[in-house]
Amino acid sequence: MNLLSKIVIPVFVLGVIFYGFKKKINVYDAFLEGAKEGLMITFNIFPSIIAMVFAINIFLDSNFVPFFLNIFQKFFLRFNIPMEIMPMALLRPISGTASLAIMSDIFGKYGPDSYIGRLASVLQGCTDTTIYVLALYYSSIGIKKTRYSLGVGLFADLVGITVAFILTSLFF
């Protein structure tokens, strides 16, 4: 298995080069054209990534998350929803990295096999980074109007969060 994992990529690259020669394609020029195209895509989406990282940092540094969670603390406690998981649920549609950091912190404090650790894992799998995905993909292909995409994506995240709480409480 170790030998196989070391030779898969070189064999694949050689296969692509052989296929290009067989089809009489200038493989080197095609590679350079693809590299140029990839750099242009990176150049086009770079401002969106910078803006998204900047906005996330402002959001996290504004202390809005603790303020928002304190307002709804009685509601969460009434339904036995741990308060420690709520920052992750709130930030998951915005930033995958922030939600992974919160999940890692939960694993460190409570363990991955605890109720809250399993809830964090299910929550991570049931939701997506909707705002990040829309900002990145739409800007890379030039879409300016998101129309219903943002609302539907956030609704799907809300359903995913709700289902994560329900399934985790039923099975764990």
N, C-alpha and C. Protein backbone atom coordinates (compact mmCIF):
# COMPACT_ATOMS: atom_id res chain seq x y z
N MET A 1 0.83 -1.20 0.00
CA MET A 1 0.00 0.00 0.00
C MET A 1 0.87 1.26 0.00
N ASN A 2 1.97 1.24 0.75
CA ASN A 2 2.84 2.40 0.82
C ASN A 2 3.47 2.68 -0.55
N LEU A 3 3.90 1.64 -1.25
CA LEU A 3 4.49 1.80 -2.58
C LEU A 3 3.45 2.33 -3.56
N LEU A 4 2.24 1.81 -3.47
CA LEU A 4 1.17 2.25 -4.36
C LEU A 4 0.87 3.74 -4.18
N SER A 5 0.83 4.19 -2.93
CA SER A 5 0.53 5.60 -2.68
C SER A 5 1.65 6.51 -3.18
N LYS A 6 2.87 6.00 -3.27
CA LYS A 6 3.98 6.82 -3.76
C LYS A 6 4.02 6.91 -5.28
N ILE A 7 3.45 5.93 -5.97
CA ILE A 7 3.57 5.93 -7.43
C ILE A 7 2.30 6.35 -8.15
N VAL A 8 1.20 6.55 -7.46
CA VAL A 8 -0.06 6.90 -8.12
C VAL A 8 0.04 8.21 -8.88
N ILE A 9 0.52 9.26 -8.25
CA ILE A 9 0.56 10.57 -8.90
C ILE A 9 1.56 10.59 -10.06
N PRO A 10 2.80 10.08 -9.89
CA PRO A 10 3.69 10.06 -11.06
C PRO A 10 3.14 9.24 -12.22
N VAL A 11 2.49 8.12 -11.94
CA VAL A 11 1.90 7.32 -13.02
C VAL A 11 0.77 8.09 -13.69
N PHE A 12 -0.03 8.80 -12.93
CA PHE A 12 -1.11 9.60 -13.50
C PHE A 12 -0.55 10.71 -14.40
N VAL A 13 0.49 11.40 -13.94
CA VAL A 13 1.10 12.47 -14.74
C VAL A 13 1.68 11.90 -16.02
N LEU A 14 2.38 10.79 -15.92
CA LEU A 14 2.92 10.16 -17.13
C LEU A 14 1.81 9.71 -18.07
N GLY A 15 0.71 9.22 -17.52
CA GLY A 15 -0.43 8.83 -18.34
C GLY A 15 -1.02 10.01 -19.09
N VAL A 16 -1.13 11.16 -18.43
CA VAL A 16 -1.65 12.36 -19.09
C VAL A 16 -0.71 12.80 -20.20
N ILE A 17 0.59 12.78 -19.93
CA ILE A 17 1.57 13.17 -20.96
C ILE A 17 1.51 12.21 -22.14
N PHE A 18 1.43 10.92 -21.88
CA PHE A 18 1.34 9.92 -22.95
C PHE A 18 0.05 10.13 -23.76
N TYR A 19 -1.05 10.38 -23.10
CA TYR A 19 -2.32 10.61 -23.78
C TYR A 19 -2.23 11.85 -24.67
N GLY A 20 -1.59 12.91 -24.16
CA GLY A 20 -1.42 14.13 -24.96
C GLY A 20 -0.58 13.89 -26.19
N PHE A 21 0.50 13.12 -26.05
CA PHE A 21 1.32 12.80 -27.23
C PHE A 21 0.55 11.95 -28.23
N LYS A 22 -0.24 11.03 -27.73
CA LYS A 22 -1.03 10.16 -28.61
C LYS A 22 -2.05 10.97 -29.41
N LYS A 23 -2.65 11.98 -28.78
CA LYS A 23 -3.64 12.83 -29.45
C LYS A 23 -3.00 14.00 -30.20
N LYS A 24 -1.64 14.03 -30.21
CA LYS A 24 -0.87 15.08 -30.89
C LYS A 24 -1.18 16.47 -30.33
N ILE A 25 -1.19 16.56 -29.01
CA ILE A 25 -1.41 17.82 -28.30
C ILE A 25 -0.07 18.25 -27.72
N ASN A 26 0.26 19.54 -27.85
CA ASN A 26 1.47 20.04 -27.23
C ASN A 26 1.21 20.15 -25.73
N VAL A 27 1.66 19.18 -24.98
CA VAL A 27 1.34 19.05 -23.56
C VAL A 27 1.89 20.23 -22.77
N TYR A 28 3.09 20.65 -23.09
CA TYR A 28 3.70 21.75 -22.35
C TYR A 28 2.92 23.05 -22.55
N ASP A 29 2.55 23.36 -23.78
CA ASP A 29 1.77 24.58 -24.03
C ASP A 29 0.39 24.51 -23.38
N ALA A 30 -0.22 23.33 -23.41
CA ALA A 30 -1.52 23.16 -22.75
C ALA A 30 -1.39 23.35 -21.24
N PHE A 31 -0.28 22.86 -20.68
CA PHE A 31 -0.03 23.04 -19.25
C PHE A 31 0.14 24.52 -18.92
N LEU A 32 0.92 25.23 -19.72
CA LEU A 32 1.13 26.67 -19.48
C LEU A 32 -0.18 27.45 -19.61
N GLU A 33 -0.99 27.09 -20.58
CA GLU A 33 -2.29 27.76 -20.76
C GLU A 33 -3.18 27.53 -19.54
N GLY A 34 -3.20 26.30 -19.04
CA GLY A 34 -3.99 26.00 -17.85
C GLY A 34 -3.47 26.72 -16.62
N ALA A 35 -2.14 26.82 -16.49
CA ALA A 35 -1.56 27.54 -15.36
C ALA A 35 -1.92 29.02 -15.42
N LYS A 36 -1.87 29.60 -16.64
CA LYS A 36 -2.26 31.01 -16.82
C LYS A 36 -3.71 31.23 -16.43
N GLU A 37 -4.57 30.32 -16.88
CA GLU A 37 -5.99 30.42 -16.57
C GLU A 37 -6.25 30.31 -15.06
N GLY A 38 -5.52 29.40 -14.41
CA GLY A 38 -5.66 29.24 -12.97
C GLY A 38 -5.21 30.48 -12.21
N LEU A 39 -4.13 31.10 -12.67
CA LEU A 39 -3.66 32.33 -12.03
C LEU A 39 -4.66 33.47 -12.22
N MET A 40 -5.29 33.53 -13.38
CA MET A 40 -6.28 34.58 -13.61
C MET A 40 -7.51 34.39 -12.71
N ILE A 41 -7.92 33.14 -12.54
CA ILE A 41 -9.05 32.88 -11.64
C ILE A 41 -8.68 33.27 -10.22
N THR A 42 -7.47 32.90 -9.79
CA THR A 42 -7.00 33.27 -8.45
C THR A 42 -6.97 34.78 -8.30
N PHE A 43 -6.46 35.46 -9.31
CA PHE A 43 -6.40 36.92 -9.28
C PHE A 43 -7.80 37.53 -9.18
N ASN A 44 -8.77 36.93 -9.86
CA ASN A 44 -10.14 37.47 -9.85
C ASN A 44 -10.86 37.23 -8.53
N ILE A 45 -10.59 36.12 -7.85
CA ILE A 45 -11.31 35.84 -6.61
C ILE A 45 -10.56 36.34 -5.37
N PHE A 46 -9.31 36.76 -5.52
CA PHE A 46 -8.53 37.22 -4.38
C PHE A 46 -9.19 38.37 -3.61
N PRO A 47 -9.70 39.41 -4.28
CA PRO A 47 -10.36 40.49 -3.52
C PRO A 47 -11.55 40.00 -2.70
N SER A 48 -12.30 39.04 -3.23
CA SER A 48 -13.44 38.51 -2.49
C SER A 48 -12.99 37.76 -1.24
N ILE A 49 -11.91 37.01 -1.36
CA ILE A 49 -11.40 36.27 -0.20
C ILE A 49 -10.91 37.24 0.86
N ILE A 50 -10.17 38.26 0.45
CA ILE A 50 -9.68 39.26 1.41
C ILE A 50 -10.85 39.97 2.10
N ALA A 51 -11.86 40.36 1.33
CA ALA A 51 -13.03 41.03 1.91
C ALA A 51 -13.75 40.11 2.89
N MET A 52 -13.87 38.83 2.56
CA MET A 52 -14.55 37.87 3.44
C MET A 52 -13.78 37.67 4.73
N VAL A 53 -12.46 37.51 4.65
CA VAL A 53 -11.63 37.34 5.85
C VAL A 53 -11.72 38.59 6.72
N PHE A 54 -11.68 39.76 6.10
CA PHE A 54 -11.78 41.03 6.83
C PHE A 54 -13.13 41.14 7.53
N ALA A 55 -14.21 40.82 6.83
CA ALA A 55 -15.56 40.90 7.42
C ALA A 55 -15.73 39.90 8.57
N ILE A 56 -15.19 38.70 8.42
CA ILE A 56 -15.29 37.70 9.49
C ILE A 56 -14.54 38.17 10.73
N ASN A 57 -13.35 38.72 10.54
CA ASN A 57 -12.59 39.22 11.69
C ASN A 57 -13.29 40.37 12.39
N ILE A 58 -13.89 41.25 11.64
CA ILE A 58 -14.66 42.35 12.25
C ILE A 58 -15.84 41.78 13.04
N PHE A 59 -16.54 40.81 12.44
CA PHE A 59 -17.69 40.19 13.10
C PHE A 59 -17.28 39.51 14.40
N LEU A 60 -16.18 38.77 14.37
CA LEU A 60 -15.74 38.05 15.57
C LEU A 60 -15.22 39.00 16.64
N ASP A 61 -14.54 40.07 16.23
CA ASP A 61 -13.98 41.02 17.20
C ASP A 61 -15.02 41.99 17.75
N SER A 62 -16.21 42.04 17.17
CA SER A 62 -17.24 42.98 17.61
C SER A 62 -17.97 42.52 18.87
N ASN A 63 -17.73 41.27 19.31
CA ASN A 63 -18.42 40.68 20.46
C ASN A 63 -19.92 40.57 20.26
N PHE A 64 -20.36 40.50 19.01
CA PHE A 64 -21.76 40.32 18.71
C PHE A 64 -22.24 38.93 19.11
N VAL A 65 -21.38 37.92 18.94
CA VAL A 65 -21.78 36.54 19.23
C VAL A 65 -22.17 36.37 20.70
N PRO A 66 -21.33 36.76 21.67
CA PRO A 66 -21.77 36.61 23.07
C PRO A 66 -23.00 37.44 23.41
N PHE A 67 -23.10 38.64 22.83
CA PHE A 67 -24.27 39.49 23.07
C PHE A 67 -25.53 38.81 22.55
N PHE A 68 -25.48 38.28 21.34
CA PHE A 68 -26.62 37.61 20.73
C PHE A 68 -27.01 36.37 21.52
N LEU A 69 -26.03 35.60 21.95
CA LEU A 69 -26.33 34.36 22.67
C LEU A 69 -26.91 34.62 24.05
N ASN A 70 -26.50 35.70 24.71
CA ASN A 70 -27.06 36.02 26.03
C ASN A 70 -28.54 36.36 25.95
N ILE A 71 -28.96 36.93 24.83
CA ILE A 71 -30.37 37.27 24.66
C ILE A 71 -31.24 36.01 24.63
N PHE A 72 -30.74 34.97 23.96
CA PHE A 72 -31.52 33.75 23.78
C PHE A 72 -31.10 32.61 24.72
N GLN A 73 -30.38 32.91 25.78
CA GLN A 73 -29.87 31.88 26.68
C GLN A 73 -30.99 31.07 27.33
N LYS A 74 -32.05 31.69 27.78
CA LYS A 74 -33.16 30.97 28.43
C LYS A 74 -33.83 30.02 27.44
N PHE A 75 -33.98 30.45 26.20
CA PHE A 75 -34.58 29.60 25.18
C PHE A 75 -33.74 28.35 24.94
N PHE A 76 -32.43 28.53 24.80
CA PHE A 76 -31.54 27.39 24.56
C PHE A 76 -31.52 26.44 25.74
N LEU A 77 -31.50 26.98 26.95
CA LEU A 77 -31.48 26.12 28.14
C LEU A 77 -32.79 25.36 28.30
N ARG A 78 -33.88 25.95 27.88
CA ARG A 78 -35.18 25.29 27.99
C ARG A 78 -35.24 24.01 27.14
N PHE A 79 -34.57 24.03 25.98
CA PHE A 79 -34.56 22.87 25.08
C PHE A 79 -33.29 22.03 25.23
N ASN A 80 -32.57 22.21 26.32
CA ASN A 80 -31.34 21.46 26.61
C ASN A 80 -30.31 21.56 25.49
N ILE A 81 -30.17 22.73 24.93
CA ILE A 81 -29.16 22.98 23.92
C ILE A 81 -27.96 23.60 24.63
N PRO A 82 -26.81 22.95 24.59
CA PRO A 82 -25.65 23.49 25.30
C PRO A 82 -25.22 24.85 24.72
N MET A 83 -24.97 25.79 25.59
CA MET A 83 -24.57 27.12 25.14
C MET A 83 -23.20 27.10 24.46
N GLU A 84 -22.37 26.12 24.79
CA GLU A 84 -21.03 26.05 24.23
C GLU A 84 -21.05 25.78 22.73
N ILE A 85 -22.11 25.17 22.24
CA ILE A 85 -22.20 24.81 20.82
C ILE A 85 -22.76 25.95 19.97
N MET A 86 -23.42 26.89 20.59
CA MET A 86 -24.10 27.94 19.84
C MET A 86 -23.18 28.86 19.04
N PRO A 87 -21.98 29.23 19.55
CA PRO A 87 -21.11 30.02 18.67
C PRO A 87 -20.74 29.28 17.39
N MET A 88 -20.56 27.97 17.50
CA MET A 88 -20.25 27.18 16.31
C MET A 88 -21.43 27.17 15.35
N ALA A 89 -22.63 27.00 15.87
CA ALA A 89 -23.82 26.98 15.02
C ALA A 89 -24.04 28.33 14.35
N LEU A 90 -23.73 29.40 15.06
CA LEU A 90 -23.93 30.74 14.51
C LEU A 90 -22.86 31.08 13.46
N LEU A 91 -21.63 30.63 13.67
CA LEU A 91 -20.54 30.99 12.78
C LEU A 91 -20.35 30.03 11.61
N ARG A 92 -20.93 28.84 11.67
CA ARG A 92 -20.72 27.84 10.62
C ARG A 92 -21.11 28.35 9.23
N PRO A 93 -22.24 29.04 9.04
CA PRO A 93 -22.54 29.53 7.69
C PRO A 93 -21.60 30.63 7.20
N ILE A 94 -20.85 31.23 8.11
CA ILE A 94 -19.98 32.33 7.74
C ILE A 94 -18.55 31.85 7.49
N SER A 95 -18.02 31.04 8.40
CA SER A 95 -16.61 30.68 8.33
C SER A 95 -16.40 29.24 8.76
N GLY A 96 -15.89 28.44 7.87
CA GLY A 96 -15.57 27.06 8.19
C GLY A 96 -14.40 26.96 9.16
N THR A 97 -13.42 27.84 9.01
CA THR A 97 -12.25 27.82 9.88
C THR A 97 -12.63 28.18 11.31
N ALA A 98 -13.47 29.19 11.48
CA ALA A 98 -13.89 29.58 12.83
C ALA A 98 -14.69 28.46 13.48
N SER A 99 -15.56 27.81 12.73
CA SER A 99 -16.36 26.72 13.31
C SER A 99 -15.48 25.51 13.63
N LEU A 100 -14.47 25.24 12.81
CA LEU A 100 -13.55 24.15 13.13
C LEU A 100 -12.73 24.45 14.38
N ALA A 101 -12.35 25.71 14.56
CA ALA A 101 -11.61 26.10 15.76
C ALA A 101 -12.48 25.91 17.01
N ILE A 102 -13.74 26.29 16.90
CA ILE A 102 -14.65 26.10 18.04
C ILE A 102 -14.86 24.62 18.31
N MET A 103 -15.01 23.82 17.25
CA MET A 103 -15.19 22.38 17.42
C MET A 103 -13.95 21.76 18.06
N SER A 104 -12.78 22.19 17.65
CA SER A 104 -11.53 21.68 18.24
C SER A 104 -11.45 22.04 19.72
N ASP A 105 -11.89 23.24 20.06
CA ASP A 105 -11.92 23.66 21.46
C ASP A 105 -12.90 22.81 22.26
N ILE A 106 -14.05 22.51 21.67
CA ILE A 106 -15.05 21.65 22.33
C ILE A 106 -14.47 20.26 22.55
N PHE A 107 -13.79 19.71 21.54
CA PHE A 107 -13.17 18.40 21.68
C PHE A 107 -12.12 18.41 22.79
N GLY A 108 -11.37 19.50 22.88
CA GLY A 108 -10.35 19.60 23.93
C GLY A 108 -10.94 19.66 25.32
N LYS A 109 -12.05 20.37 25.48
CA LYS A 109 -12.67 20.54 26.80
C LYS A 109 -13.53 19.34 27.20
N TYR A 110 -14.32 18.82 26.26
CA TYR A 110 -15.32 17.81 26.61
C TYR A 110 -15.04 16.43 26.02
N GLY A 111 -14.18 16.37 25.01
CA GLY A 111 -13.89 15.11 24.35
C GLY A 111 -14.81 14.89 23.16
N PRO A 112 -14.32 14.19 22.14
CA PRO A 112 -15.14 13.98 20.95
C PRO A 112 -16.29 13.00 21.17
N ASP A 113 -16.22 12.16 22.19
CA ASP A 113 -17.28 11.18 22.43
C ASP A 113 -18.34 11.67 23.42
N SER A 114 -18.20 12.88 23.91
CA SER A 114 -19.22 13.45 24.79
C SER A 114 -20.42 13.88 23.96
N TYR A 115 -21.51 14.18 24.62
CA TYR A 115 -22.71 14.63 23.90
C TYR A 115 -22.42 15.88 23.09
N ILE A 116 -21.74 16.84 23.71
CA ILE A 116 -21.49 18.10 23.01
C ILE A 116 -20.46 17.90 21.89
N GLY A 117 -19.51 16.97 22.06
CA GLY A 117 -18.56 16.66 21.00
C GLY A 117 -19.24 16.02 19.80
N ARG A 118 -20.15 15.11 20.08
CA ARG A 118 -20.89 14.48 18.98
C ARG A 118 -21.83 15.48 18.31
N LEU A 119 -22.43 16.34 19.10
CA LEU A 119 -23.28 17.38 18.53
C LEU A 119 -22.47 18.30 17.62
N ALA A 120 -21.28 18.66 18.04
CA ALA A 120 -20.42 19.51 17.21
C ALA A 120 -20.07 18.80 15.91
N SER A 121 -19.79 17.51 15.98
CA SER A 121 -19.45 16.74 14.77
C SER A 121 -20.63 16.66 13.81
N VAL A 122 -21.81 16.39 14.34
CA VAL A 122 -23.01 16.30 13.49
C VAL A 122 -23.33 17.67 12.90
N LEU A 123 -23.19 18.70 13.70
CA LEU A 123 -23.44 20.06 13.23
C LEU A 123 -22.47 20.44 12.11
N GLN A 124 -21.23 20.04 12.26
CA GLN A 124 -20.23 20.33 11.22
C GLN A 124 -20.59 19.64 9.90
N GLY A 125 -21.16 18.44 9.99
CA GLY A 125 -21.52 17.71 8.79
C GLY A 125 -22.85 18.11 8.19
N CYS A 126 -23.73 18.70 8.99
CA CYS A 126 -25.08 19.04 8.51
C CYS A 126 -25.18 20.42 7.88
N THR A 127 -24.16 21.22 7.99
CA THR A 127 -24.23 22.59 7.50
C THR A 127 -23.06 22.88 6.56
N ASP A 128 -23.12 24.03 5.93
CA ASP A 128 -22.07 24.44 5.01
C ASP A 128 -21.74 25.91 5.25
N THR A 129 -20.63 26.35 4.71
CA THR A 129 -20.23 27.74 4.84
C THR A 129 -20.89 28.54 3.70
N THR A 130 -22.16 28.76 3.85
CA THR A 130 -22.99 29.33 2.78
C THR A 130 -22.50 30.69 2.31
N ILE A 131 -22.27 31.60 3.23
CA ILE A 131 -21.89 32.96 2.83
C ILE A 131 -20.53 32.96 2.15
N TYR A 132 -19.60 32.18 2.68
CA TYR A 132 -18.27 32.08 2.07
C TYR A 132 -18.36 31.49 0.66
N VAL A 133 -19.12 30.42 0.51
CA VAL A 133 -19.25 29.76 -0.79
C VAL A 133 -19.88 30.71 -1.81
N LEU A 134 -20.94 31.41 -1.40
CA LEU A 134 -21.58 32.33 -2.33
C LEU A 134 -20.64 33.46 -2.73
N ALA A 135 -19.93 34.01 -1.75
CA ALA A 135 -19.02 35.12 -2.06
C ALA A 135 -17.89 34.66 -2.97
N LEU A 136 -17.33 33.51 -2.71
CA LEU A 136 -16.20 33.03 -3.49
C LEU A 136 -16.62 32.59 -4.89
N TYR A 137 -17.61 31.73 -4.98
CA TYR A 137 -17.98 31.18 -6.29
C TYR A 137 -18.68 32.19 -7.16
N TYR A 138 -19.54 32.99 -6.59
CA TYR A 138 -20.24 33.98 -7.41
C TYR A 138 -19.27 35.04 -7.93
N SER A 139 -18.32 35.44 -7.10
CA SER A 139 -17.37 36.45 -7.57
C SER A 139 -16.42 35.88 -8.61
N SER A 140 -16.12 34.59 -8.52
CA SER A 140 -15.18 34.00 -9.49
C SER A 140 -15.78 33.91 -10.89
N ILE A 141 -17.10 33.84 -10.99
CA ILE A 141 -17.72 33.78 -12.32
C ILE A 141 -18.50 35.05 -12.66
N GLY A 142 -18.42 36.05 -11.77
CA GLY A 142 -18.97 37.35 -12.10
C GLY A 142 -20.44 37.57 -11.81
N ILE A 143 -21.05 36.74 -10.99
CA ILE A 143 -22.47 36.94 -10.65
C ILE A 143 -22.57 38.03 -9.58
N LYS A 144 -23.36 39.04 -9.85
CA LYS A 144 -23.53 40.16 -8.91
C LYS A 144 -24.78 40.03 -8.06
N LYS A 145 -25.86 39.48 -8.64
CA LYS A 145 -27.12 39.35 -7.92
C LYS A 145 -27.30 37.90 -7.48
N THR A 146 -27.41 37.71 -6.17
CA THR A 146 -27.54 36.35 -5.64
C THR A 146 -28.98 35.87 -5.66
N ARG A 147 -29.90 36.77 -5.84
CA ARG A 147 -31.32 36.47 -5.89
C ARG A 147 -31.75 35.67 -4.67
N TYR A 148 -32.16 34.43 -4.85
CA TYR A 148 -32.66 33.61 -3.75
C TYR A 148 -31.58 32.73 -3.13
N SER A 149 -30.40 32.72 -3.69
CA SER A 149 -29.36 31.78 -3.25
C SER A 149 -29.01 31.96 -1.77
N LEU A 150 -28.83 33.18 -1.33
CA LEU A 150 -28.46 33.42 0.06
C LEU A 150 -29.56 32.97 1.01
N GLY A 151 -30.78 33.34 0.73
CA GLY A 151 -31.90 32.95 1.60
C GLY A 151 -32.09 31.45 1.66
N VAL A 152 -32.02 30.79 0.51
CA VAL A 152 -32.19 29.34 0.48
C VAL A 152 -31.02 28.66 1.17
N GLY A 153 -29.81 29.15 0.96
CA GLY A 153 -28.64 28.56 1.62
C GLY A 153 -28.70 28.70 3.13
N LEU A 154 -29.07 29.88 3.61
CA LEU A 154 -29.17 30.07 5.06
C LEU A 154 -30.33 29.28 5.66
N PHE A 155 -31.42 29.15 4.90
CA PHE A 155 -32.53 28.31 5.37
C PHE A 155 -32.08 26.85 5.47
N ALA A 156 -31.33 26.38 4.48
CA ALA A 156 -30.81 25.01 4.52
C ALA A 156 -29.87 24.83 5.72
N ASP A 157 -29.08 25.85 6.04
CA ASP A 157 -28.21 25.77 7.23
C ASP A 157 -29.04 25.71 8.50
N LEU A 158 -30.11 26.50 8.56
CA LEU A 158 -30.99 26.46 9.74
C LEU A 158 -31.63 25.09 9.90
N VAL A 159 -32.08 24.51 8.80
CA VAL A 159 -32.65 23.16 8.85
C VAL A 159 -31.58 22.16 9.29
N GLY A 160 -30.36 22.31 8.76
CA GLY A 160 -29.27 21.42 9.15
C GLY A 160 -28.93 21.52 10.62
N ILE A 161 -28.91 22.74 11.14
CA ILE A 161 -28.62 22.95 12.57
C ILE A 161 -29.72 22.32 13.42
N THR A 162 -30.97 22.55 13.03
CA THR A 162 -32.10 21.99 13.77
C THR A 162 -32.08 20.46 13.75
N VAL A 163 -31.83 19.89 12.59
CA VAL A 163 -31.77 18.44 12.46
C VAL A 163 -30.59 17.88 13.25
N ALA A 164 -29.49 18.59 13.27
CA ALA A 164 -28.33 18.14 14.07
C ALA A 164 -28.67 18.06 15.54
N PHE A 165 -29.38 19.04 16.07
CA PHE A 165 -29.80 19.01 17.47
C PHE A 165 -30.76 17.85 17.73
N ILE A 166 -31.71 17.67 16.84
CA ILE A 166 -32.72 16.63 17.03
C ILE A 166 -32.08 15.25 16.96
N LEU A 167 -31.30 14.99 15.91
CA LEU A 167 -30.69 13.67 15.74
C LEU A 167 -29.70 13.34 16.86
N THR A 168 -28.93 14.32 17.26
CA THR A 168 -27.97 14.06 18.32
C THR A 168 -28.67 13.77 19.64
N SER A 169 -29.74 14.48 19.94
CA SER A 169 -30.46 14.21 21.18
C SER A 169 -31.18 12.87 21.14
N LEU A 170 -31.61 12.44 19.93
CA LEU A 170 -32.28 11.13 19.81
C LEU A 170 -31.31 9.96 19.91
N PHE A 171 -30.17 10.07 19.27
CA PHE A 171 -29.26 8.94 19.18
C PHE A 171 -28.14 8.92 20.20
N PHE A 172 -27.85 10.06 20.82
CA PHE A 172 -26.76 10.10 21.79
C PHE A 172 -27.28 10.62 23.10
